[in-house]
Amino acid sequence: MFRNERTSPADISRLARQLVELPATTRRLYPRSREQGLDPAALQVLICLWLEDGQSVGELAEKLELRSQSTSNALRSLQAAKLVRERPDPTDGRRRLQWLTASGRRRAEKFIISRA
């Protein structure tokens, strides 16, 4: 995990959860997400996967209170940027799960640390 001396793992986790759990966060994320080259929904998906990797589109949409289509669009942009990859669910091959790549994990951690 990416850390600096001033930020504890508990602080990082608390902040990441706040960024994901508050639907109103999207408005506050807009300027920061643009600095990262992502739209707010994509940034929320990135952080949500950082908290719990290997989620389906439906699970992400429900947690973030986004429409499935908005979540899918965010995932497509994250996949195009090679920040997220999709793999079959090992227990149910019909389901597709979303996983952070190493660069996706670093990008999420960098953003979270910058907000701490």
C-alpha atoms as a PDB file:
ATOM      1  CA  MET A   1       0.000   0.000   0.000  1.00  0.00           C
ATOM      2  CA  PHE A   2       1.200   3.502  -0.821  1.00  0.00           C
ATOM      3  CA  ARG A   3       1.666   5.526   2.371  1.00  0.00           C
ATOM      4  CA  ASN A   4       3.434   8.581   3.620  1.00  0.00           C
ATOM      5  CA  GLU A   5       4.650   9.256   7.140  1.00  0.00           C
ATOM      6  CA  ARG A   6       1.699  11.481   8.048  1.00  0.00           C
ATOM      7  CA  THR A   7      -1.092   9.159   6.920  1.00  0.00           C
ATOM      8  CA  SER A   8      -2.036   6.025   8.834  1.00  0.00           C
ATOM      9  CA  PRO A   9      -3.689   3.050   7.125  1.00  0.00           C
ATOM     10  CA  ALA A  10      -6.814   3.687   9.220  1.00  0.00           C
ATOM     11  CA  ASP A  11      -6.976   7.293   7.970  1.00  0.00           C
ATOM     12  CA  ILE A  12      -6.633   6.150   4.368  1.00  0.00           C
ATOM     13  CA  SER A  13      -9.341   3.520   4.744  1.00  0.00           C
ATOM     14  CA  ARG A  14     -11.706   5.951   6.502  1.00  0.00           C
ATOM     15  CA  LEU A  15     -11.259   8.549   3.795  1.00  0.00           C
ATOM     16  CA  ALA A  16     -11.717   6.025   0.987  1.00  0.00           C
ATOM     17  CA  ARG A  17     -14.981   4.817   2.544  1.00  0.00           C
ATOM     18  CA  GLN A  18     -16.231   8.393   2.851  1.00  0.00           C
ATOM     19  CA  LEU A  19     -15.442   9.037  -0.807  1.00  0.00           C
ATOM     20  CA  VAL A  20     -17.446   5.989  -1.849  1.00  0.00           C
ATOM     21  CA  GLU A  21     -20.351   6.075   0.592  1.00  0.00           C
ATOM     22  CA  LEU A  22     -21.528   9.638   0.061  1.00  0.00           C
ATOM     23  CA  PRO A  23     -23.499  10.128  -3.165  1.00  0.00           C
ATOM     24  CA  ALA A  24     -23.065  13.900  -2.779  1.00  0.00           C
ATOM     25  CA  THR A  25     -19.331  13.286  -2.966  1.00  0.00           C
ATOM     26  CA  THR A  26     -19.601  13.208  -6.750  1.00  0.00           C
ATOM     27  CA  ARG A  27     -20.094  16.975  -6.907  1.00  0.00           C
ATOM     28  CA  ARG A  28     -17.075  17.556  -4.688  1.00  0.00           C
ATOM     29  CA  LEU A  29     -15.026  15.035  -6.643  1.00  0.00           C
ATOM     30  CA  TYR A  30     -15.607  16.722  -9.996  1.00  0.00           C
ATOM     31  CA  PRO A  31     -12.633  19.131  -9.957  1.00  0.00           C
ATOM     32  CA  ARG A  32     -10.311  16.535  -8.383  1.00  0.00           C
ATOM     33  CA  SER A  33     -11.385  13.776 -10.762  1.00  0.00           C
ATOM     34  CA  ARG A  34     -10.636  16.004 -13.752  1.00  0.00           C
ATOM     35  CA  GLU A  35      -7.128  16.543 -12.374  1.00  0.00           C
ATOM     36  CA  GLN A  36      -6.777  12.749 -12.452  1.00  0.00           C
ATOM     37  CA  GLY A  37      -8.111  12.596 -16.021  1.00  0.00           C
ATOM     38  CA  LEU A  38     -11.225  10.687 -14.910  1.00  0.00           C
ATOM     39  CA  ASP A  39     -14.885  11.542 -14.556  1.00  0.00           C
ATOM     40  CA  PRO A  40     -16.322  11.474 -10.998  1.00  0.00           C
ATOM     41  CA  ALA A  41     -18.103   8.130 -11.483  1.00  0.00           C
ATOM     42  CA  ALA A  42     -14.896   6.488 -12.729  1.00  0.00           C
ATOM     43  CA  LEU A  43     -12.993   7.837  -9.745  1.00  0.00           C
ATOM     44  CA  GLN A  44     -15.652   6.518  -7.357  1.00  0.00           C
ATOM     45  CA  VAL A  45     -15.509   3.087  -9.033  1.00  0.00           C
ATOM     46  CA  LEU A  46     -11.716   3.095  -8.774  1.00  0.00           C
ATOM     47  CA  ILE A  47     -11.870   3.859  -5.043  1.00  0.00           C
ATOM     48  CA  CYS A  48     -14.653   1.319  -4.462  1.00  0.00           C
ATOM     49  CA  LEU A  49     -12.523  -1.382  -6.097  1.00  0.00           C
ATOM     50  CA  TRP A  50      -9.558  -0.295  -4.001  1.00  0.00           C
ATOM     51  CA  LEU A  51     -11.666  -0.943  -0.900  1.00  0.00           C
ATOM     52  CA  GLU A  52     -12.954  -4.293  -2.167  1.00  0.00           C
ATOM     53  CA  ASP A  53     -11.523  -5.706  -5.372  1.00  0.00           C
ATOM     54  CA  GLY A  54     -13.344  -8.235  -7.535  1.00  0.00           C
ATOM     55  CA  GLN A  55     -16.867  -6.798  -7.728  1.00  0.00           C
ATOM     56  CA  SER A  56     -19.521  -7.079 -10.425  1.00  0.00           C
ATOM     57  CA  VAL A  57     -21.028  -4.117 -12.252  1.00  0.00           C
ATOM     58  CA  GLY A  58     -24.250  -4.571 -10.282  1.00  0.00           C
ATOM     59  CA  GLU A  59     -22.457  -4.625  -6.927  1.00  0.00           C
ATOM     60  CA  LEU A  60     -20.528  -1.463  -7.789  1.00  0.00           C
ATOM     61  CA  ALA A  61     -23.662   0.300  -9.052  1.00  0.00           C
ATOM     62  CA  GLU A  62     -25.562  -0.570  -5.874  1.00  0.00           C
ATOM     63  CA  LYS A  63     -22.790   0.547  -3.518  1.00  0.00           C
ATOM     64  CA  LEU A  64     -22.208   3.800  -5.384  1.00  0.00           C
ATOM     65  CA  GLU A  65     -25.902   4.462  -6.035  1.00  0.00           C
ATOM     66  CA  LEU A  66     -25.220   4.760  -9.759  1.00  0.00           C
ATOM     67  CA  ARG A  67     -27.208   3.374 -12.686  1.00  0.00           C
ATOM     68  CA  SER A  68     -25.730   0.183 -14.147  1.00  0.00           C
ATOM     69  CA  GLN A  69     -25.176   2.007 -17.446  1.00  0.00           C
ATOM     70  CA  SER A  70     -23.201   4.792 -15.724  1.00  0.00           C
ATOM     71  CA  THR A  71     -21.149   2.191 -13.864  1.00  0.00           C
ATOM     72  CA  SER A  72     -20.482   0.284 -17.097  1.00  0.00           C
ATOM     73  CA  ASN A  73     -19.391   3.490 -18.844  1.00  0.00           C
ATOM     74  CA  ALA A  74     -17.045   4.320 -15.961  1.00  0.00           C
ATOM     75  CA  LEU A  75     -15.595   0.808 -16.076  1.00  0.00           C
ATOM     76  CA  ARG A  76     -15.031   1.028 -19.841  1.00  0.00           C
ATOM     77  CA  SER A  77     -13.015   4.218 -19.394  1.00  0.00           C
ATOM     78  CA  LEU A  78     -11.023   2.629 -16.547  1.00  0.00           C
ATOM     79  CA  GLN A  79     -10.388  -0.477 -18.643  1.00  0.00           C
ATOM     80  CA  ALA A  80      -9.271   1.638 -21.619  1.00  0.00           C
ATOM     81  CA  ALA A  81      -6.815   3.407 -19.286  1.00  0.00           C
ATOM     82  CA  LYS A  82      -5.605  -0.025 -18.082  1.00  0.00           C
ATOM     83  CA  LEU A  83      -6.615   0.771 -14.500  1.00  0.00           C
ATOM     84  CA  VAL A  84      -9.192  -2.030 -14.242  1.00  0.00           C
ATOM     85  CA  ARG A  85      -9.467  -5.454 -15.845  1.00  0.00           C
ATOM     86  CA  GLU A  86     -12.452  -7.767 -16.092  1.00  0.00           C
ATOM     87  CA  ARG A  87     -12.264 -11.494 -15.360  1.00  0.00           C
ATOM     88  CA  PRO A  88     -14.816 -14.274 -15.027  1.00  0.00           C
ATOM     89  CA  ASP A  89     -16.047 -15.071 -11.532  1.00  0.00           C
ATOM     90  CA  PRO A  90     -14.235 -18.284 -10.539  1.00  0.00           C
ATOM     91  CA  THR A  91     -17.418 -19.634  -8.890  1.00  0.00           C
ATOM     92  CA  ASP A  92     -19.873 -18.577 -11.628  1.00  0.00           C
ATOM     93  CA  GLY A  93     -18.434 -18.226 -15.124  1.00  0.00           C
ATOM     94  CA  ARG A  94     -21.477 -16.221 -16.267  1.00  0.00           C
ATOM     95  CA  ARG A  95     -20.560 -13.330 -13.954  1.00  0.00           C
ATOM     96  CA  ARG A  96     -17.764 -10.908 -14.764  1.00  0.00           C
ATOM     97  CA  LEU A  97     -15.801  -9.314 -11.930  1.00  0.00           C
ATOM     98  CA  GLN A  98     -13.802  -6.102 -12.029  1.00  0.00           C
ATOM     99  CA  TRP A  99     -10.265  -6.020 -10.620  1.00  0.00           C
ATOM    100  CA  LEU A 100      -7.791  -3.187 -10.205  1.00  0.00           C
ATOM    101  CA  THR A 101      -4.555  -3.469 -12.121  1.00  0.00           C
ATOM    102  CA  ALA A 102      -1.323  -2.555 -10.332  1.00  0.00           C
ATOM    103  CA  SER A 103      -1.442   0.900 -11.915  1.00  0.00           C
ATOM    104  CA  GLY A 104      -5.123   1.258 -10.941  1.00  0.00           C
ATOM    105  CA  ARG A 105      -4.266   0.463  -7.330  1.00  0.00           C
ATOM    106  CA  ARG A 106      -1.412   3.013  -7.343  1.00  0.00           C
ATOM    107  CA  ARG A 107      -3.663   5.651  -8.912  1.00  0.00           C
ATOM    108  CA  ALA A 108      -6.405   5.133  -6.309  1.00  0.00           C
ATOM    109  CA  GLU A 109      -3.900   5.232  -3.449  1.00  0.00           C
ATOM    110  CA  LYS A 110      -2.269   8.368  -4.815  1.00  0.00           C
ATOM    111  CA  PHE A 111      -5.650  10.102  -4.975  1.00  0.00           C
ATOM    112  CA  ILE A 112      -6.665   8.955  -1.491  1.00  0.00           C
ATOM    113  CA  ILE A 113      -3.353  10.025   0.029  1.00  0.00           C
ATOM    114  CA  SER A 114      -3.660  13.444  -1.630  1.00  0.00           C
ATOM    115  CA  ARG A 115      -7.040  13.917   0.105  1.00  0.00           C
ATOM    116  CA  ALA A 116      -5.808  12.871   3.578  1.00  0.00           C
END
